[in-house]
N, C-alpha and C. Protein backbone atom coordinates (compact mmCIF):
# COMPACT_ATOMS: atom_id res chain seq x y z
N ASP A 1 -35.84 -12.77 -12.93
CA ASP A 1 -34.73 -13.70 -12.82
C ASP A 1 -35.14 -15.11 -13.27
N VAL A 2 -36.35 -15.51 -12.91
CA VAL A 2 -36.83 -16.83 -13.29
C VAL A 2 -36.91 -16.93 -14.82
N ASP A 3 -37.45 -15.91 -15.45
CA ASP A 3 -37.58 -15.91 -16.91
C ASP A 3 -36.22 -15.94 -17.61
N GLU A 4 -35.18 -15.48 -16.92
CA GLU A 4 -33.84 -15.47 -17.51
C GLU A 4 -33.06 -16.74 -17.17
N GLY A 5 -33.70 -17.71 -16.51
CA GLY A 5 -33.06 -19.00 -16.27
C GLY A 5 -32.41 -19.18 -14.92
N ALA A 6 -32.79 -18.40 -13.93
CA ALA A 6 -32.19 -18.54 -12.60
C ALA A 6 -32.40 -19.95 -12.05
N ASP A 7 -31.40 -20.45 -11.36
CA ASP A 7 -31.49 -21.76 -10.72
C ASP A 7 -31.96 -21.65 -9.27
N ILE A 8 -31.69 -20.51 -8.66
CA ILE A 8 -32.02 -20.24 -7.26
C ILE A 8 -32.48 -18.78 -7.17
N ILE A 9 -33.45 -18.53 -6.32
CA ILE A 9 -33.89 -17.16 -6.06
C ILE A 9 -33.39 -16.77 -4.67
N MET A 10 -32.71 -15.63 -4.59
CA MET A 10 -32.18 -15.18 -3.31
C MET A 10 -32.94 -13.97 -2.80
N VAL A 11 -33.22 -14.02 -1.50
CA VAL A 11 -33.86 -12.91 -0.81
C VAL A 11 -32.86 -12.38 0.22
N LYS A 12 -32.68 -11.06 0.24
CA LYS A 12 -31.82 -10.47 1.26
C LYS A 12 -32.33 -9.08 1.59
N PRO A 13 -32.22 -8.66 2.79
CA PRO A 13 -31.67 -9.35 3.95
C PRO A 13 -32.64 -10.40 4.48
N ALA A 14 -32.11 -11.40 5.12
CA ALA A 14 -32.92 -12.53 5.58
C ALA A 14 -33.80 -12.17 6.77
N MET A 15 -33.24 -11.49 7.75
CA MET A 15 -33.92 -11.29 9.03
C MET A 15 -35.25 -10.56 8.90
N ALA A 16 -35.29 -9.50 8.14
CA ALA A 16 -36.49 -8.67 8.06
C ALA A 16 -37.45 -9.09 6.95
N TYR A 17 -37.07 -10.04 6.13
CA TYR A 17 -37.87 -10.36 4.95
C TYR A 17 -38.52 -11.73 5.00
N GLY A 18 -38.87 -12.21 6.17
CA GLY A 18 -39.54 -13.51 6.29
C GLY A 18 -40.82 -13.57 5.48
N ASP A 19 -41.58 -12.49 5.47
CA ASP A 19 -42.82 -12.46 4.70
C ASP A 19 -42.54 -12.55 3.20
N VAL A 20 -41.49 -11.91 2.75
CA VAL A 20 -41.11 -11.97 1.33
C VAL A 20 -40.65 -13.38 0.98
N ILE A 21 -39.85 -13.97 1.85
CA ILE A 21 -39.40 -15.35 1.63
C ILE A 21 -40.59 -16.27 1.46
N ALA A 22 -41.58 -16.17 2.35
CA ALA A 22 -42.76 -17.03 2.29
C ALA A 22 -43.53 -16.84 0.99
N LYS A 23 -43.70 -15.59 0.56
CA LYS A 23 -44.43 -15.33 -0.69
C LYS A 23 -43.68 -15.85 -1.90
N VAL A 24 -42.36 -15.65 -1.92
CA VAL A 24 -41.55 -16.16 -3.03
C VAL A 24 -41.65 -17.68 -3.08
N LYS A 25 -41.56 -18.32 -1.93
CA LYS A 25 -41.62 -19.78 -1.86
C LYS A 25 -42.96 -20.30 -2.39
N GLU A 26 -44.04 -19.58 -2.10
CA GLU A 26 -45.37 -19.96 -2.58
C GLU A 26 -45.50 -19.83 -4.10
N GLN A 27 -44.87 -18.82 -4.67
CA GLN A 27 -45.10 -18.48 -6.07
C GLN A 27 -44.05 -19.01 -7.04
N ILE A 28 -42.86 -19.28 -6.56
CA ILE A 28 -41.76 -19.70 -7.42
C ILE A 28 -41.39 -21.14 -7.09
N HIS A 29 -41.27 -21.95 -8.09
CA HIS A 29 -40.93 -23.36 -7.86
C HIS A 29 -39.46 -23.63 -8.14
N LEU A 30 -38.64 -22.86 -7.46
CA LEU A 30 -37.18 -23.01 -7.48
C LEU A 30 -36.70 -22.97 -6.04
N PRO A 31 -35.49 -23.45 -5.78
CA PRO A 31 -34.94 -23.29 -4.43
C PRO A 31 -34.85 -21.80 -4.07
N VAL A 32 -35.17 -21.50 -2.82
CA VAL A 32 -35.12 -20.13 -2.32
C VAL A 32 -34.00 -20.03 -1.30
N ALA A 33 -33.12 -19.06 -1.50
CA ALA A 33 -32.02 -18.81 -0.57
C ALA A 33 -32.28 -17.49 0.15
N ALA A 34 -31.81 -17.41 1.38
CA ALA A 34 -31.85 -16.16 2.12
C ALA A 34 -30.43 -15.84 2.55
N TYR A 35 -30.04 -14.60 2.36
CA TYR A 35 -28.71 -14.14 2.72
C TYR A 35 -28.81 -13.23 3.93
N SER A 36 -28.23 -13.67 5.03
CA SER A 36 -28.16 -12.86 6.23
C SER A 36 -26.97 -11.92 6.06
N VAL A 37 -27.27 -10.70 5.71
CA VAL A 37 -26.24 -9.73 5.31
C VAL A 37 -25.36 -9.29 6.48
N SER A 38 -24.27 -8.61 6.16
CA SER A 38 -23.30 -8.20 7.17
C SER A 38 -23.92 -7.28 8.23
N GLY A 39 -24.91 -6.50 7.85
CA GLY A 39 -25.57 -5.64 8.82
C GLY A 39 -26.31 -6.43 9.89
N GLU A 40 -26.87 -7.56 9.51
CA GLU A 40 -27.54 -8.43 10.49
C GLU A 40 -26.52 -9.04 11.44
N TYR A 41 -25.38 -9.43 10.88
CA TYR A 41 -24.28 -9.95 11.71
C TYR A 41 -23.85 -8.89 12.72
N ALA A 42 -23.62 -7.67 12.23
CA ALA A 42 -23.18 -6.58 13.09
C ALA A 42 -24.23 -6.26 14.16
N LEU A 43 -25.49 -6.31 13.78
CA LEU A 43 -26.57 -6.04 14.72
C LEU A 43 -26.55 -7.03 15.88
N ILE A 44 -26.43 -8.31 15.56
CA ILE A 44 -26.41 -9.34 16.61
C ILE A 44 -25.15 -9.22 17.45
N LYS A 45 -24.00 -9.07 16.82
CA LYS A 45 -22.74 -8.94 17.55
C LYS A 45 -22.75 -7.71 18.46
N GLY A 46 -23.21 -6.59 17.92
CA GLY A 46 -23.24 -5.36 18.70
C GLY A 46 -24.18 -5.45 19.89
N ALA A 47 -25.39 -5.94 19.65
CA ALA A 47 -26.37 -6.07 20.74
C ALA A 47 -25.88 -7.04 21.81
N ALA A 48 -25.25 -8.12 21.37
CA ALA A 48 -24.72 -9.11 22.34
C ALA A 48 -23.57 -8.51 23.14
N SER A 49 -22.70 -7.74 22.50
CA SER A 49 -21.55 -7.17 23.21
C SER A 49 -21.99 -6.17 24.28
N LEU A 50 -23.16 -5.57 24.08
CA LEU A 50 -23.70 -4.63 25.07
C LEU A 50 -24.59 -5.31 26.10
N GLY A 51 -24.77 -6.62 25.96
CA GLY A 51 -25.59 -7.36 26.91
C GLY A 51 -27.08 -7.26 26.66
N TYR A 52 -27.48 -6.76 25.50
CA TYR A 52 -28.90 -6.61 25.19
C TYR A 52 -29.56 -7.90 24.77
N VAL A 53 -28.81 -8.81 24.17
CA VAL A 53 -29.38 -10.08 23.70
C VAL A 53 -28.39 -11.21 24.00
N ASP A 54 -28.91 -12.40 24.03
CA ASP A 54 -28.09 -13.62 24.11
C ASP A 54 -27.67 -13.96 22.68
N GLU A 55 -26.39 -13.85 22.39
CA GLU A 55 -25.91 -14.03 21.02
C GLU A 55 -26.29 -15.39 20.45
N ALA A 56 -26.04 -16.45 21.18
CA ALA A 56 -26.35 -17.80 20.68
C ALA A 56 -27.84 -17.95 20.40
N ALA A 57 -28.67 -17.44 21.28
CA ALA A 57 -30.12 -17.54 21.09
C ALA A 57 -30.55 -16.77 19.85
N MET A 58 -29.98 -15.60 19.63
CA MET A 58 -30.33 -14.80 18.45
C MET A 58 -29.89 -15.49 17.16
N ILE A 59 -28.70 -16.07 17.17
CA ILE A 59 -28.22 -16.78 15.99
C ILE A 59 -29.15 -17.94 15.66
N CYS A 60 -29.50 -18.72 16.67
CA CYS A 60 -30.40 -19.86 16.48
C CYS A 60 -31.77 -19.41 15.99
N GLU A 61 -32.31 -18.38 16.60
CA GLU A 61 -33.66 -17.94 16.25
C GLU A 61 -33.73 -17.32 14.86
N THR A 62 -32.72 -16.56 14.47
CA THR A 62 -32.76 -15.98 13.13
C THR A 62 -32.66 -17.06 12.06
N ALA A 63 -31.83 -18.07 12.29
CA ALA A 63 -31.73 -19.18 11.34
C ALA A 63 -33.04 -19.97 11.29
N ALA A 64 -33.58 -20.29 12.45
CA ALA A 64 -34.84 -21.04 12.50
C ALA A 64 -35.96 -20.25 11.84
N GLY A 65 -35.98 -18.93 12.04
CA GLY A 65 -37.00 -18.09 11.43
C GLY A 65 -36.94 -18.11 9.92
N ALA A 66 -35.74 -18.10 9.37
CA ALA A 66 -35.58 -18.16 7.92
C ALA A 66 -36.12 -19.49 7.38
N TYR A 67 -35.81 -20.58 8.07
CA TYR A 67 -36.30 -21.89 7.62
C TYR A 67 -37.81 -22.00 7.80
N ARG A 68 -38.37 -21.43 8.87
CA ARG A 68 -39.83 -21.42 9.03
C ARG A 68 -40.49 -20.65 7.89
N ALA A 69 -39.84 -19.60 7.42
CA ALA A 69 -40.38 -18.81 6.31
C ALA A 69 -40.34 -19.57 5.00
N GLY A 70 -39.45 -20.58 4.91
CA GLY A 70 -39.43 -21.43 3.72
C GLY A 70 -38.13 -21.53 2.95
N VAL A 71 -37.03 -20.98 3.47
CA VAL A 71 -35.79 -21.05 2.69
C VAL A 71 -35.28 -22.48 2.56
N ASP A 72 -34.62 -22.72 1.46
CA ASP A 72 -33.94 -23.99 1.23
C ASP A 72 -32.46 -23.86 1.57
N LEU A 73 -31.92 -22.65 1.40
CA LEU A 73 -30.52 -22.37 1.66
C LEU A 73 -30.42 -21.10 2.50
N TYR A 74 -29.58 -21.12 3.52
CA TYR A 74 -29.41 -19.96 4.39
C TYR A 74 -27.94 -19.60 4.40
N LEU A 75 -27.61 -18.44 3.86
CA LEU A 75 -26.22 -17.98 3.81
C LEU A 75 -26.01 -16.98 4.93
N THR A 76 -25.00 -17.23 5.76
CA THR A 76 -24.79 -16.40 6.94
C THR A 76 -23.33 -16.38 7.35
N TYR A 77 -22.94 -15.29 8.01
CA TYR A 77 -21.60 -15.20 8.58
C TYR A 77 -21.49 -16.07 9.84
N PHE A 78 -22.61 -16.57 10.33
CA PHE A 78 -22.63 -17.41 11.52
C PHE A 78 -22.67 -18.90 11.18
N ALA A 79 -22.25 -19.28 10.00
CA ALA A 79 -22.36 -20.68 9.56
C ALA A 79 -21.66 -21.66 10.51
N ARG A 80 -20.46 -21.34 10.95
CA ARG A 80 -19.75 -22.25 11.86
C ARG A 80 -20.48 -22.39 13.19
N GLU A 81 -20.95 -21.26 13.71
CA GLU A 81 -21.67 -21.30 14.98
C GLU A 81 -22.95 -22.13 14.84
N ILE A 82 -23.67 -21.92 13.74
CA ILE A 82 -24.91 -22.67 13.51
C ILE A 82 -24.62 -24.16 13.40
N ALA A 83 -23.55 -24.52 12.71
CA ALA A 83 -23.19 -25.95 12.61
C ALA A 83 -22.97 -26.53 14.00
N GLY A 84 -22.30 -25.79 14.87
CA GLY A 84 -22.09 -26.26 16.23
C GLY A 84 -23.40 -26.37 17.01
N PHE A 85 -24.29 -25.40 16.82
CA PHE A 85 -25.58 -25.44 17.53
C PHE A 85 -26.44 -26.61 17.04
N ILE A 86 -26.34 -26.93 15.76
CA ILE A 86 -27.07 -28.10 15.24
C ILE A 86 -26.51 -29.36 15.88
N ASP A 87 -25.19 -29.47 15.96
CA ASP A 87 -24.56 -30.63 16.61
C ASP A 87 -24.99 -30.76 18.07
N GLU A 88 -25.17 -29.62 18.73
CA GLU A 88 -25.58 -29.61 20.12
C GLU A 88 -27.08 -29.87 20.30
N GLY A 89 -27.83 -29.86 19.20
CA GLY A 89 -29.27 -30.05 19.27
C GLY A 89 -30.05 -28.79 19.57
N ARG A 90 -29.42 -27.63 19.48
CA ARG A 90 -30.11 -26.37 19.76
C ARG A 90 -30.96 -25.90 18.59
N ILE A 91 -30.64 -26.37 17.39
CA ILE A 91 -31.40 -26.04 16.19
C ILE A 91 -31.68 -27.34 15.45
N GLY A 92 -32.83 -27.39 14.84
CA GLY A 92 -33.10 -28.50 13.92
C GLY A 92 -33.84 -29.58 14.52
């Protein structure tokens, strides 16, 4: 993709590929995006609905994990929730 003129490199799914994100960030000098796919959204929603996880904590931690891995852009179905958590000081 880089050789073909890509402006951004995207890694997906975001949650399970932190190691890939970090390696791409080390080797490629372009912005790196991570896409938190619909399955990750469903996983968090489903686990939270059953009481297995704290939904807000999982949303915050998955976003923070992607940024710790090195992403410049994080695409997620939880964008509105994350914006609210940033305003609240829970992330960032």
